[in-house]
Every structure is written in structure tokens, then in C-alpha cells.
Amino acid sequence: MSAQILHVATDLELIDRLTQGPRSSGQLAEETAAHGPSVLRLLRVLATLGVVTQTEPDRFELTELGGDLRTGTPGSVRDVFRFLCSAGAWSSWGDAAHSIRTGDTAFERNYGMPAFAYLGQHSEEGEAQRGRWAG
């Protein structure tokens, strides 16, 4: 669950927006065209994970740990979360027992092709990772 929370936060670019300074859930919801009460709940979960700090009832700022999820920052793990929690990769984790039992890859079983072939056809899921892991 924590991985998906971080995936959603990076997908909505909440981390990058908080790099610009503390914000309310309402501001972030408006900036991301997301549902305000849901963004507030997401931010509260991010606070329990240590990614943000809740400084007022509805004001959040990025922590040092959260800084490791920023776009384009040396050592950032943002793209790792975006890739591993993408639809293609995430569904394969749910079928990991198949891989352990048979030695076959769950990804190929689920999608009928190797992961990098899939990424070639679904660039939105793997653009950032292609250069990092493919070559």
C-alpha cells in the first residue's frame, strides 16, 4: 500500500509542487485537478510515512525524506516508484507466486511479451526507466 501511495503522490506531482513551499490540500487539489478531500487524506497518509509534515490542520510541507521523490534530483527514487507501481509492473507483482512455482515470468504471463517490449508499446509507463534499466 505504501508504494501505491507514493506512486499516486508522484503521479499527481504533489511532491514537486511541495518543493515550491508549504501548501494546503485545497491548493494542491486545484493545481492537480483532483478531489480536495481525497488529496487531504493522501497528504495525511504521506505524513504518517514521513514524506510530508502537517504543520497546520490543512497545511503540508515536504520533509527531507520526501525530497528523495522529487523530479530530476540526483538520487531521486521518483521514477522507480512510477515504474514499479505502474499498471503493467504492479499487476505482475500480484502474480509473483506463479514465477516462484514455475520459473516463468509473471509479466510475460500477464502481458504476453517481455517487460521491455511492453514498455516500448507503453512509453507512458516506462519512459524514465528505459534509459536507466535497458541499457
C-alpha atoms as a PDB file:
ATOM      1  CA  MET A   1       0.000   0.000   0.000  1.00  0.00           C
ATOM      2  CA  SER A   2       2.767   2.465   0.830  1.00  0.00           C
ATOM      3  CA  ALA A   3       4.281   2.018  -2.607  1.00  0.00           C
ATOM      4  CA  GLN A   4       0.974   2.871  -4.280  1.00  0.00           C
ATOM      5  CA  ILE A   5       0.562   5.925  -2.032  1.00  0.00           C
ATOM      6  CA  LEU A   6       3.976   7.167  -3.155  1.00  0.00           C
ATOM      7  CA  HIS A   7       3.114   6.349  -6.751  1.00  0.00           C
ATOM      8  CA  VAL A   8      -0.067   8.430  -6.608  1.00  0.00           C
ATOM      9  CA  ALA A   9       1.762  11.318  -4.926  1.00  0.00           C
ATOM     10  CA  THR A  10       4.422  11.342  -7.638  1.00  0.00           C
ATOM     11  CA  ASP A  11       1.879  10.799 -10.407  1.00  0.00           C
ATOM     12  CA  LEU A  12      -0.084  13.854  -9.250  1.00  0.00           C
ATOM     13  CA  GLU A  13       3.218  15.741  -8.883  1.00  0.00           C
ATOM     14  CA  LEU A  14       2.359  16.619  -5.271  1.00  0.00           C
ATOM     15  CA  ILE A  15       5.980  16.184  -4.209  1.00  0.00           C
ATOM     16  CA  ASP A  16       7.259  18.552  -6.889  1.00  0.00           C
ATOM     17  CA  ARG A  17       4.593  21.107  -6.011  1.00  0.00           C
ATOM     18  CA  LEU A  18       5.537  20.963  -2.321  1.00  0.00           C
ATOM     19  CA  THR A  19       9.151  21.650  -3.301  1.00  0.00           C
ATOM     20  CA  GLN A  20       7.939  25.189  -4.002  1.00  0.00           C
ATOM     21  CA  GLY A  21       6.830  25.570  -0.380  1.00  0.00           C
ATOM     22  CA  PRO A  22       4.044  24.550   2.033  1.00  0.00           C
ATOM     23  CA  ARG A  23       0.572  24.206   0.565  1.00  0.00           C
ATOM     24  CA  SER A  24      -2.938  23.308   1.653  1.00  0.00           C
ATOM     25  CA  SER A  25      -4.753  20.274   0.335  1.00  0.00           C
ATOM     26  CA  GLY A  26      -7.177  22.611  -1.409  1.00  0.00           C
ATOM     27  CA  GLN A  27      -4.384  24.392  -3.256  1.00  0.00           C
ATOM     28  CA  LEU A  28      -2.833  21.097  -4.321  1.00  0.00           C
ATOM     29  CA  ALA A  29      -6.204  19.691  -5.375  1.00  0.00           C
ATOM     30  CA  GLU A  30      -6.885  22.750  -7.512  1.00  0.00           C
ATOM     31  CA  GLU A  31      -3.414  22.661  -9.082  1.00  0.00           C
ATOM     32  CA  THR A  32      -3.754  18.959  -9.936  1.00  0.00           C
ATOM     33  CA  ALA A  33      -7.475  18.909 -10.816  1.00  0.00           C
ATOM     34  CA  ALA A  34      -8.011  16.306  -8.080  1.00  0.00           C
ATOM     35  CA  HIS A  35     -10.720  15.804  -5.441  1.00  0.00           C
ATOM     36  CA  GLY A  36      -9.938  18.038  -2.440  1.00  0.00           C
ATOM     37  CA  PRO A  37     -10.991  15.745   0.436  1.00  0.00           C
ATOM     38  CA  SER A  38      -9.144  12.840  -1.187  1.00  0.00           C
ATOM     39  CA  VAL A  39      -5.973  14.916  -1.563  1.00  0.00           C
ATOM     40  CA  LEU A  40      -6.215  15.795   2.138  1.00  0.00           C
ATOM     41  CA  ARG A  41      -6.439  12.097   3.042  1.00  0.00           C
ATOM     42  CA  LEU A  42      -3.499  11.313   0.765  1.00  0.00           C
ATOM     43  CA  LEU A  43      -1.400  14.050   2.374  1.00  0.00           C
ATOM     44  CA  ARG A  44      -2.214  12.739   5.847  1.00  0.00           C
ATOM     45  CA  VAL A  45      -1.051   9.264   4.821  1.00  0.00           C
ATOM     46  CA  LEU A  46       2.107  10.805   3.350  1.00  0.00           C
ATOM     47  CA  ALA A  47       2.648  12.475   6.731  1.00  0.00           C
ATOM     48  CA  THR A  48       2.451   9.115   8.515  1.00  0.00           C
ATOM     49  CA  LEU A  49       5.093   7.825   6.076  1.00  0.00           C
ATOM     50  CA  GLY A  50       7.369  10.781   6.864  1.00  0.00           C
ATOM     51  CA  VAL A  51       7.217  12.200   3.329  1.00  0.00           C
ATOM     52  CA  VAL A  52       5.480  15.427   4.359  1.00  0.00           C
ATOM     53  CA  THR A  53       4.850  17.219   7.628  1.00  0.00           C
ATOM     54  CA  GLN A  54       1.447  18.563   8.566  1.00  0.00           C
ATOM     55  CA  THR A  55       2.271  21.985  10.002  1.00  0.00           C
ATOM     56  CA  GLU A  56      -1.329  23.190  10.473  1.00  0.00           C
ATOM     57  CA  PRO A  57      -4.698  21.424  10.207  1.00  0.00           C
ATOM     58  CA  ASP A  58      -4.552  21.786   6.423  1.00  0.00           C
ATOM     59  CA  ARG A  59      -1.001  22.824   5.583  1.00  0.00           C
ATOM     60  CA  PHE A  60       1.730  20.452   4.476  1.00  0.00           C
ATOM     61  CA  GLU A  61       5.393  20.745   3.656  1.00  0.00           C
ATOM     62  CA  LEU A  62       7.949  18.383   2.212  1.00  0.00           C
ATOM     63  CA  THR A  63      10.370  16.562   4.517  1.00  0.00           C
ATOM     64  CA  GLU A  64      13.944  15.582   3.708  1.00  0.00           C
ATOM     65  CA  LEU A  65      12.716  12.053   3.006  1.00  0.00           C
ATOM     66  CA  GLY A  66      10.068  13.425   0.655  1.00  0.00           C
ATOM     67  CA  GLY A  67      12.786  15.303  -1.190  1.00  0.00           C
ATOM     68  CA  ASP A  68      14.072  11.955  -2.442  1.00  0.00           C
ATOM     69  CA  LEU A  69      10.893  11.711  -4.545  1.00  0.00           C
ATOM     70  CA  ARG A  70      11.401  14.944  -6.497  1.00  0.00           C
ATOM     71  CA  THR A  71      11.733  15.072 -10.263  1.00  0.00           C
ATOM     72  CA  GLY A  72      15.234  15.453 -11.657  1.00  0.00           C
ATOM     73  CA  THR A  73      17.048  15.324  -8.324  1.00  0.00           C
ATOM     74  CA  PRO A  74      20.246  13.257  -8.021  1.00  0.00           C
ATOM     75  CA  GLY A  75      19.429  10.083  -6.105  1.00  0.00           C
ATOM     76  CA  SER A  76      15.678  10.531  -6.553  1.00  0.00           C
ATOM     77  CA  VAL A  77      13.605   7.360  -6.388  1.00  0.00           C
ATOM     78  CA  ARG A  78      10.582   9.023  -8.020  1.00  0.00           C
ATOM     79  CA  ASP A  79      10.892   7.176 -11.324  1.00  0.00           C
ATOM     80  CA  VAL A  80      11.393   3.855  -9.562  1.00  0.00           C
ATOM     81  CA  PHE A  81       8.014   4.232  -7.826  1.00  0.00           C
ATOM     82  CA  ARG A  82       6.367   5.429 -11.014  1.00  0.00           C
ATOM     83  CA  PHE A  83       7.625   2.382 -12.909  1.00  0.00           C
ATOM     84  CA  LEU A  84       7.260  -0.365 -10.293  1.00  0.00           C
ATOM     85  CA  CYS A  85       3.758   0.769  -9.383  1.00  0.00           C
ATOM     86  CA  SER A  86       2.596   1.328 -12.958  1.00  0.00           C
ATOM     87  CA  ALA A  87      -0.269  -0.850 -14.136  1.00  0.00           C
ATOM     88  CA  GLY A  88       1.965  -3.277 -16.016  1.00  0.00           C
ATOM     89  CA  ALA A  89       4.524  -3.847 -13.312  1.00  0.00           C
ATOM     90  CA  TRP A  90       2.093  -3.745 -10.383  1.00  0.00           C
ATOM     91  CA  SER A  91      -0.184  -6.463 -11.733  1.00  0.00           C
ATOM     92  CA  SER A  92       2.821  -8.736 -12.180  1.00  0.00           C
ATOM     93  CA  TRP A  93       3.756  -8.419  -8.516  1.00  0.00           C
ATOM     94  CA  GLY A  94       0.335  -9.840  -7.696  1.00  0.00           C
ATOM     95  CA  ASP A  95       1.225 -12.939  -9.691  1.00  0.00           C
ATOM     96  CA  ALA A  96       4.714 -13.454  -8.236  1.00  0.00           C
ATOM     97  CA  ALA A  97       3.772 -16.866  -6.809  1.00  0.00           C
ATOM     98  CA  HIS A  98       3.431 -18.135 -10.380  1.00  0.00           C
ATOM     99  CA  SER A  99       7.029 -17.110 -11.083  1.00  0.00           C
ATOM    100  CA  ILE A 100       8.306 -18.816  -7.951  1.00  0.00           C
ATOM    101  CA  ARG A 101       6.414 -22.027  -8.704  1.00  0.00           C
ATOM    102  CA  THR A 102       7.259 -22.270 -12.413  1.00  0.00           C
ATOM    103  CA  GLY A 103      10.314 -20.115 -13.101  1.00  0.00           C
ATOM    104  CA  ASP A 104       8.310 -18.265 -15.766  1.00  0.00           C
ATOM    105  CA  THR A 105       7.965 -14.510 -15.526  1.00  0.00           C
ATOM    106  CA  ALA A 106       4.633 -13.266 -14.265  1.00  0.00           C
ATOM    107  CA  PHE A 107       4.946 -10.226 -16.505  1.00  0.00           C
ATOM    108  CA  GLU A 108       5.109 -12.315 -19.674  1.00  0.00           C
ATOM    109  CA  ARG A 109       2.256 -14.488 -18.436  1.00  0.00           C
ATOM    110  CA  ASN A 110       0.081 -11.413 -17.839  1.00  0.00           C
ATOM    111  CA  TYR A 111       1.015  -9.406 -20.929  1.00  0.00           C
ATOM    112  CA  GLY A 112       2.203 -11.982 -23.452  1.00  0.00           C
ATOM    113  CA  MET A 113       5.536 -10.251 -24.003  1.00  0.00           C
ATOM    114  CA  PRO A 114       8.770  -9.386 -22.173  1.00  0.00           C
ATOM    115  CA  ALA A 115       8.732  -6.280 -19.987  1.00  0.00           C
ATOM    116  CA  PHE A 116      10.912  -4.142 -22.262  1.00  0.00           C
ATOM    117  CA  ALA A 117       8.773  -4.962 -25.313  1.00  0.00           C
ATOM    118  CA  TYR A 118       5.743  -3.881 -23.288  1.00  0.00           C
ATOM    119  CA  LEU A 119       7.477  -0.659 -22.268  1.00  0.00           C
ATOM    120  CA  GLY A 120       8.226   0.016 -25.915  1.00  0.00           C
ATOM    121  CA  GLN A 121       4.487  -0.065 -26.587  1.00  0.00           C
ATOM    122  CA  HIS A 122       3.515   1.780 -23.363  1.00  0.00           C
ATOM    123  CA  SER A 123       6.010   4.610 -23.139  1.00  0.00           C
ATOM    124  CA  GLU A 124       3.930   6.468 -20.543  1.00  0.00           C
ATOM    125  CA  GLU A 125       4.736   3.691 -18.067  1.00  0.00           C
ATOM    126  CA  GLY A 126       8.412   3.314 -18.718  1.00  0.00           C
ATOM    127  CA  GLU A 127       9.937   6.340 -20.429  1.00  0.00           C
ATOM    128  CA  ALA A 128      12.055   7.314 -17.430  1.00  0.00           C
ATOM    129  CA  GLN A 129      13.160   3.745 -16.772  1.00  0.00           C
ATOM    130  CA  ARG A 130      14.025   2.717 -20.308  1.00  0.00           C
ATOM    131  CA  GLY A 131      17.366   4.523 -20.267  1.00  0.00           C
ATOM    132  CA  ARG A 132      18.144   3.508 -16.692  1.00  0.00           C
ATOM    133  CA  TRP A 133      17.485  -0.242 -16.974  1.00  0.00           C
ATOM    134  CA  ALA A 134      17.512  -1.117 -20.648  1.00  0.00           C
ATOM    135  CA  GLY A 135      20.955  -0.283 -21.481  1.00  0.00           C
END
